[in-house]
N, C-alpha and C. Protein backbone atom coordinates (compact mmCIF):
# COMPACT_ATOMS: atom_id res chain seq x y z
N MET A 1 -21.88 -18.01 -20.05
CA MET A 1 -21.97 -18.19 -18.60
C MET A 1 -23.44 -18.41 -18.25
N THR A 2 -23.70 -19.41 -17.47
CA THR A 2 -25.07 -19.70 -17.08
C THR A 2 -25.50 -18.80 -15.94
N ASP A 3 -26.82 -18.75 -15.72
CA ASP A 3 -27.32 -17.94 -14.60
C ASP A 3 -26.77 -18.45 -13.28
N GLN A 4 -26.64 -19.79 -13.16
CA GLN A 4 -26.13 -20.37 -11.92
C GLN A 4 -24.68 -19.99 -11.69
N SER A 5 -23.83 -20.06 -12.74
CA SER A 5 -22.42 -19.70 -12.55
C SER A 5 -22.27 -18.22 -12.28
N LEU A 6 -23.12 -17.39 -12.89
CA LEU A 6 -23.10 -15.96 -12.62
C LEU A 6 -23.47 -15.70 -11.16
N ALA A 7 -24.46 -16.41 -10.67
CA ALA A 7 -24.86 -16.25 -9.27
C ALA A 7 -23.75 -16.69 -8.34
N GLU A 8 -23.06 -17.80 -8.68
CA GLU A 8 -21.95 -18.26 -7.85
C GLU A 8 -20.82 -17.25 -7.84
N ASP A 9 -20.50 -16.66 -9.01
CA ASP A 9 -19.45 -15.65 -9.08
C ASP A 9 -19.82 -14.43 -8.24
N THR A 10 -21.08 -14.04 -8.27
CA THR A 10 -21.53 -12.88 -7.50
C THR A 10 -21.40 -13.14 -6.01
N GLU A 11 -21.69 -14.37 -5.59
CA GLU A 11 -21.61 -14.70 -4.17
C GLU A 11 -20.17 -14.66 -3.65
N THR A 12 -19.20 -14.97 -4.51
CA THR A 12 -17.82 -15.02 -4.06
C THR A 12 -17.09 -13.71 -4.24
N GLU A 13 -17.73 -12.73 -4.88
CA GLU A 13 -17.07 -11.44 -5.09
C GLU A 13 -16.93 -10.70 -3.78
N SER A 14 -15.85 -9.96 -3.67
CA SER A 14 -15.57 -9.18 -2.48
C SER A 14 -16.34 -7.87 -2.52
N ASP A 15 -16.49 -7.26 -1.35
CA ASP A 15 -17.09 -5.94 -1.28
C ASP A 15 -16.09 -4.87 -1.69
N GLU A 16 -14.83 -5.25 -1.85
CA GLU A 16 -13.76 -4.31 -2.20
C GLU A 16 -13.00 -4.82 -3.43
N PRO A 17 -13.65 -4.82 -4.61
CA PRO A 17 -13.02 -5.41 -5.79
C PRO A 17 -11.73 -4.71 -6.22
N VAL A 18 -11.66 -3.41 -6.07
CA VAL A 18 -10.45 -2.70 -6.48
C VAL A 18 -9.28 -3.11 -5.59
N LEU A 19 -9.52 -3.17 -4.28
CA LEU A 19 -8.45 -3.60 -3.36
C LEU A 19 -8.04 -5.03 -3.64
N ASP A 20 -9.01 -5.87 -4.02
CA ASP A 20 -8.69 -7.25 -4.35
C ASP A 20 -7.78 -7.33 -5.57
N VAL A 21 -8.06 -6.52 -6.58
CA VAL A 21 -7.21 -6.50 -7.77
C VAL A 21 -5.81 -6.03 -7.42
N LEU A 22 -5.72 -4.97 -6.62
CA LEU A 22 -4.41 -4.46 -6.21
C LEU A 22 -3.64 -5.50 -5.40
N ALA A 23 -4.35 -6.19 -4.52
CA ALA A 23 -3.70 -7.24 -3.72
C ALA A 23 -3.20 -8.37 -4.61
N ALA A 24 -4.00 -8.74 -5.61
CA ALA A 24 -3.58 -9.81 -6.53
C ALA A 24 -2.37 -9.37 -7.35
N MET A 25 -2.35 -8.12 -7.78
CA MET A 25 -1.19 -7.60 -8.53
C MET A 25 0.06 -7.61 -7.66
N THR A 26 -0.10 -7.21 -6.42
CA THR A 26 1.04 -7.20 -5.49
C THR A 26 1.54 -8.61 -5.25
N ALA A 27 0.62 -9.53 -5.04
CA ALA A 27 1.01 -10.94 -4.81
C ALA A 27 1.77 -11.49 -6.02
N ALA A 28 1.30 -11.18 -7.22
CA ALA A 28 1.97 -11.65 -8.43
C ALA A 28 3.36 -11.05 -8.54
N SER A 29 3.49 -9.79 -8.19
CA SER A 29 4.79 -9.12 -8.22
C SER A 29 5.76 -9.78 -7.25
N ILE A 30 5.28 -10.10 -6.07
CA ILE A 30 6.13 -10.73 -5.05
C ILE A 30 6.56 -12.12 -5.51
N GLU A 31 5.63 -12.87 -6.08
CA GLU A 31 5.93 -14.23 -6.54
C GLU A 31 6.99 -14.24 -7.64
N ARG A 32 7.01 -13.21 -8.47
CA ARG A 32 7.91 -13.19 -9.62
C ARG A 32 9.25 -12.51 -9.33
N SER A 33 9.42 -11.99 -8.14
CA SER A 33 10.65 -11.28 -7.79
C SER A 33 11.58 -12.19 -7.00
N ASN A 34 12.87 -12.00 -7.24
CA ASN A 34 13.87 -12.73 -6.46
C ASN A 34 14.40 -11.89 -5.29
N LEU A 35 13.84 -10.70 -5.12
CA LEU A 35 14.23 -9.86 -3.99
C LEU A 35 13.63 -10.42 -2.71
N ASP A 36 14.35 -10.24 -1.61
CA ASP A 36 13.75 -10.63 -0.34
C ASP A 36 12.58 -9.68 -0.07
N PRO A 37 11.60 -10.11 0.72
CA PRO A 37 10.38 -9.30 0.92
C PRO A 37 10.64 -7.88 1.41
N GLU A 38 11.58 -7.70 2.35
CA GLU A 38 11.85 -6.35 2.86
C GLU A 38 12.40 -5.45 1.75
N THR A 39 13.36 -5.96 0.99
CA THR A 39 13.94 -5.17 -0.10
C THR A 39 12.88 -4.84 -1.14
N LEU A 40 12.03 -5.80 -1.44
CA LEU A 40 10.96 -5.56 -2.42
C LEU A 40 10.06 -4.42 -1.96
N MET A 41 9.68 -4.39 -0.69
CA MET A 41 8.82 -3.32 -0.21
C MET A 41 9.53 -1.97 -0.22
N LEU A 42 10.82 -1.96 0.07
CA LEU A 42 11.56 -0.70 0.04
C LEU A 42 11.70 -0.19 -1.40
N VAL A 43 11.88 -1.09 -2.33
CA VAL A 43 11.94 -0.70 -3.75
C VAL A 43 10.59 -0.15 -4.18
N ARG A 44 9.52 -0.79 -3.75
CA ARG A 44 8.18 -0.30 -4.07
C ARG A 44 7.96 1.10 -3.50
N LEU A 45 8.44 1.34 -2.29
CA LEU A 45 8.34 2.67 -1.68
C LEU A 45 9.06 3.70 -2.56
N ALA A 46 10.26 3.36 -2.99
CA ALA A 46 11.01 4.28 -3.85
C ALA A 46 10.25 4.56 -5.15
N ALA A 47 9.62 3.54 -5.70
CA ALA A 47 8.84 3.72 -6.92
C ALA A 47 7.63 4.62 -6.67
N LEU A 48 7.00 4.47 -5.52
CA LEU A 48 5.86 5.33 -5.19
C LEU A 48 6.27 6.80 -5.15
N VAL A 49 7.43 7.06 -4.57
CA VAL A 49 7.93 8.44 -4.53
C VAL A 49 8.19 8.93 -5.94
N ALA A 50 8.81 8.09 -6.75
CA ALA A 50 9.19 8.48 -8.11
C ALA A 50 7.98 8.82 -8.97
N VAL A 51 6.86 8.12 -8.75
CA VAL A 51 5.66 8.39 -9.57
C VAL A 51 4.70 9.35 -8.91
N ASP A 52 5.09 9.93 -7.77
CA ASP A 52 4.25 10.89 -7.04
C ASP A 52 2.89 10.26 -6.69
N ALA A 53 2.96 9.11 -6.04
CA ALA A 53 1.77 8.33 -5.70
C ALA A 53 0.87 9.06 -4.70
N PRO A 54 -0.42 8.73 -4.71
CA PRO A 54 -1.35 9.33 -3.75
C PRO A 54 -1.18 8.71 -2.35
N PRO A 55 -1.72 9.38 -1.34
CA PRO A 55 -1.55 8.91 0.04
C PRO A 55 -1.93 7.46 0.30
N LEU A 56 -3.04 7.01 -0.25
CA LEU A 56 -3.48 5.66 0.06
C LEU A 56 -2.57 4.59 -0.54
N SER A 57 -1.87 4.91 -1.61
CA SER A 57 -0.88 3.97 -2.14
C SER A 57 0.23 3.74 -1.13
N TYR A 58 0.63 4.80 -0.47
CA TYR A 58 1.64 4.66 0.59
C TYR A 58 1.11 3.81 1.74
N VAL A 59 -0.15 4.06 2.12
CA VAL A 59 -0.73 3.32 3.24
C VAL A 59 -0.73 1.83 2.94
N LEU A 60 -1.21 1.45 1.77
CA LEU A 60 -1.29 0.03 1.42
C LEU A 60 0.08 -0.62 1.45
N ASN A 61 1.06 0.05 0.89
CA ASN A 61 2.40 -0.53 0.82
C ASN A 61 3.13 -0.48 2.15
N LEU A 62 2.96 0.60 2.89
CA LEU A 62 3.63 0.68 4.19
C LEU A 62 3.01 -0.27 5.20
N ARG A 63 1.72 -0.52 5.08
CA ARG A 63 1.08 -1.51 5.95
C ARG A 63 1.69 -2.89 5.68
N ALA A 64 1.82 -3.23 4.41
CA ALA A 64 2.43 -4.52 4.06
C ALA A 64 3.89 -4.56 4.51
N ALA A 65 4.60 -3.45 4.33
CA ALA A 65 6.00 -3.40 4.76
C ALA A 65 6.11 -3.58 6.27
N GLY A 66 5.22 -2.94 7.00
CA GLY A 66 5.22 -3.07 8.46
C GLY A 66 4.98 -4.50 8.90
N GLU A 67 4.10 -5.19 8.18
CA GLU A 67 3.84 -6.60 8.50
C GLU A 67 5.07 -7.46 8.27
N LEU A 68 5.96 -7.00 7.39
CA LEU A 68 7.21 -7.72 7.12
C LEU A 68 8.33 -7.29 8.06
N GLY A 69 8.04 -6.34 8.94
CA GLY A 69 9.04 -5.89 9.89
C GLY A 69 9.89 -4.72 9.43
N VAL A 70 9.49 -4.05 8.34
CA VAL A 70 10.22 -2.88 7.87
C VAL A 70 9.97 -1.74 8.85
N SER A 71 11.04 -1.17 9.36
CA SER A 71 10.92 -0.11 10.37
C SER A 71 10.77 1.26 9.72
N ALA A 72 10.31 2.21 10.52
CA ALA A 72 10.21 3.60 10.07
C ALA A 72 11.60 4.13 9.70
N GLU A 73 12.61 3.68 10.42
CA GLU A 73 13.98 4.10 10.11
C GLU A 73 14.39 3.66 8.71
N ARG A 74 14.03 2.44 8.32
CA ARG A 74 14.35 1.96 6.97
C ARG A 74 13.62 2.79 5.91
N VAL A 75 12.39 3.17 6.20
CA VAL A 75 11.64 4.01 5.28
C VAL A 75 12.34 5.36 5.12
N ARG A 76 12.77 5.95 6.24
CA ARG A 76 13.50 7.23 6.17
C ARG A 76 14.80 7.05 5.39
N ASP A 77 15.48 5.92 5.58
CA ASP A 77 16.72 5.66 4.85
C ASP A 77 16.49 5.64 3.34
N VAL A 78 15.38 5.04 2.93
CA VAL A 78 15.06 5.00 1.50
C VAL A 78 14.80 6.41 0.98
N LEU A 79 14.03 7.18 1.73
CA LEU A 79 13.74 8.55 1.30
C LEU A 79 15.03 9.37 1.17
N ALA A 80 15.95 9.20 2.12
CA ALA A 80 17.23 9.90 2.05
C ALA A 80 18.07 9.42 0.87
N ALA A 81 18.03 8.12 0.61
CA ALA A 81 18.84 7.55 -0.47
C ALA A 81 18.38 8.01 -1.85
N ILE A 82 17.08 8.18 -2.04
CA ILE A 82 16.58 8.55 -3.37
C ILE A 82 16.45 10.05 -3.56
N ALA A 83 16.61 10.84 -2.50
CA ALA A 83 16.47 12.29 -2.60
C ALA A 83 17.33 12.93 -3.69
N PRO A 84 18.60 12.54 -3.83
CA PRO A 84 19.40 13.16 -4.89
C PRO A 84 18.88 12.86 -6.31
N VAL A 85 18.15 11.77 -6.45
CA VAL A 85 17.64 11.39 -7.77
C VAL A 85 16.30 12.05 -8.05
N VAL A 86 15.38 12.00 -7.09
CA VAL A 86 14.03 12.52 -7.33
C VAL A 86 13.87 13.98 -6.92
N GLY A 87 14.75 14.47 -6.06
CA GLY A 87 14.70 15.86 -5.64
C GLY A 87 13.99 16.08 -4.32
N ALA A 88 14.39 17.15 -3.65
CA ALA A 88 13.83 17.48 -2.34
C ALA A 88 12.32 17.71 -2.39
N PRO A 89 11.78 18.43 -3.39
CA PRO A 89 10.33 18.64 -3.39
C PRO A 89 9.54 17.33 -3.45
N ARG A 90 10.04 16.36 -4.18
CA ARG A 90 9.33 15.08 -4.28
C ARG A 90 9.38 14.34 -2.94
N ILE A 91 10.50 14.44 -2.22
CA ILE A 91 10.62 13.80 -0.91
C ILE A 91 9.69 14.46 0.09
N VAL A 92 9.63 15.79 0.08
CA VAL A 92 8.74 16.51 0.99
C VAL A 92 7.29 16.15 0.68
N ALA A 93 6.95 16.10 -0.60
CA ALA A 93 5.59 15.72 -0.99
C ALA A 93 5.27 14.31 -0.53
N ALA A 94 6.21 13.39 -0.69
CA ALA A 94 5.99 12.00 -0.27
C ALA A 94 5.78 11.93 1.24
N ALA A 95 6.59 12.64 1.99
CA ALA A 95 6.44 12.63 3.45
C ALA A 95 5.06 13.14 3.86
N GLY A 96 4.60 14.19 3.21
CA GLY A 96 3.27 14.72 3.49
C GLY A 96 2.18 13.74 3.13
N LYS A 97 2.34 13.06 2.00
CA LYS A 97 1.33 12.08 1.58
C LYS A 97 1.33 10.87 2.51
N ILE A 98 2.49 10.47 2.97
CA ILE A 98 2.56 9.37 3.94
C ILE A 98 1.80 9.76 5.20
N ALA A 99 2.04 10.97 5.69
CA ALA A 99 1.37 11.44 6.90
C ALA A 99 -0.15 11.51 6.70
N ARG A 100 -0.59 12.05 5.56
CA ARG A 100 -2.03 12.11 5.28
C ARG A 100 -2.63 10.72 5.17
N GLY A 101 -1.93 9.83 4.49
CA GLY A 101 -2.43 8.46 4.33
C GLY A 101 -2.56 7.75 5.66
N VAL A 102 -1.58 7.92 6.53
CA VAL A 102 -1.64 7.30 7.85
C VAL A 102 -2.81 7.88 8.65
N GLY A 103 -3.00 9.19 8.55
CA GLY A 103 -4.14 9.82 9.23
C GLY A 103 -5.47 9.29 8.73
N ILE A 104 -5.59 9.09 7.42
CA ILE A 104 -6.82 8.54 6.85
C ILE A 104 -7.03 7.12 7.36
N ALA A 105 -5.97 6.32 7.36
CA ALA A 105 -6.08 4.93 7.82
C ALA A 105 -6.50 4.87 9.28
N ILE A 106 -5.96 5.74 10.09
CA ILE A 106 -6.33 5.76 11.51
C ILE A 106 -7.80 6.14 11.66
N ALA A 107 -8.24 7.14 10.92
CA ALA A 107 -9.63 7.57 10.99
C ALA A 107 -10.58 6.45 10.56
N VAL A 108 -10.23 5.75 9.50
CA VAL A 108 -11.07 4.65 9.02
C VAL A 108 -11.12 3.54 10.06
N ASP A 109 -9.97 3.20 10.64
CA ASP A 109 -9.94 2.18 11.69
C ASP A 109 -10.79 2.57 12.89
N GLU A 110 -10.74 3.85 13.27
CA GLU A 110 -11.53 4.33 14.40
C GLU A 110 -13.02 4.26 14.09
N MET A 111 -13.42 4.63 12.87
CA MET A 111 -14.82 4.56 12.49
C MET A 111 -15.31 3.11 12.49
N ALA A 112 -14.47 2.21 12.00
CA ALA A 112 -14.86 0.79 12.00
C ALA A 112 -15.02 0.27 13.43
N ALA A 113 -14.12 0.70 14.32
CA ALA A 113 -14.22 0.28 15.72
C ALA A 113 -15.50 0.81 16.36
N GLU A 114 -15.85 2.05 16.04
CA GLU A 114 -17.08 2.63 16.59
C GLU A 114 -18.31 1.89 16.08
N GLU A 115 -18.30 1.50 14.80
CA GLU A 115 -19.42 0.75 14.24
C GLU A 115 -19.55 -0.61 14.89
N ASP A 116 -18.41 -1.23 15.19
CA ASP A 116 -18.42 -2.54 15.85
C ASP A 116 -18.99 -2.44 17.26
N GLU A 117 -18.71 -1.31 17.93
CA GLU A 117 -19.20 -1.11 19.29
C GLU A 117 -20.69 -0.79 19.30
N GLY A 118 -21.14 -0.09 18.24
CA GLY A 118 -22.51 0.38 18.22
C GLY A 118 -23.42 -0.58 17.63
């Protein structure tokens, strides 16, 4: 790689490389699936519960689901449907992580808005 191509790559890199990788992985997953977008996001939600995902994983996926029109009721339906398989403690943990993740996202959005104003 030449110095010029390295400089060009550096200029096009995002400030959020990890999020970019996750977004690319998600896009590839969507492209390769025959599920409709809403079903795909609900399946992803179920998988997050099954693997005991951290709060921000829920935020990223629920934000995308919301953009596709997935309602909070559909999310609750998924949690109820998988409860017999994953167990009540995992569902309670997921609900708490969703709430924490949403709280973090709101706080970050508020801080960004304050920076924009200031």
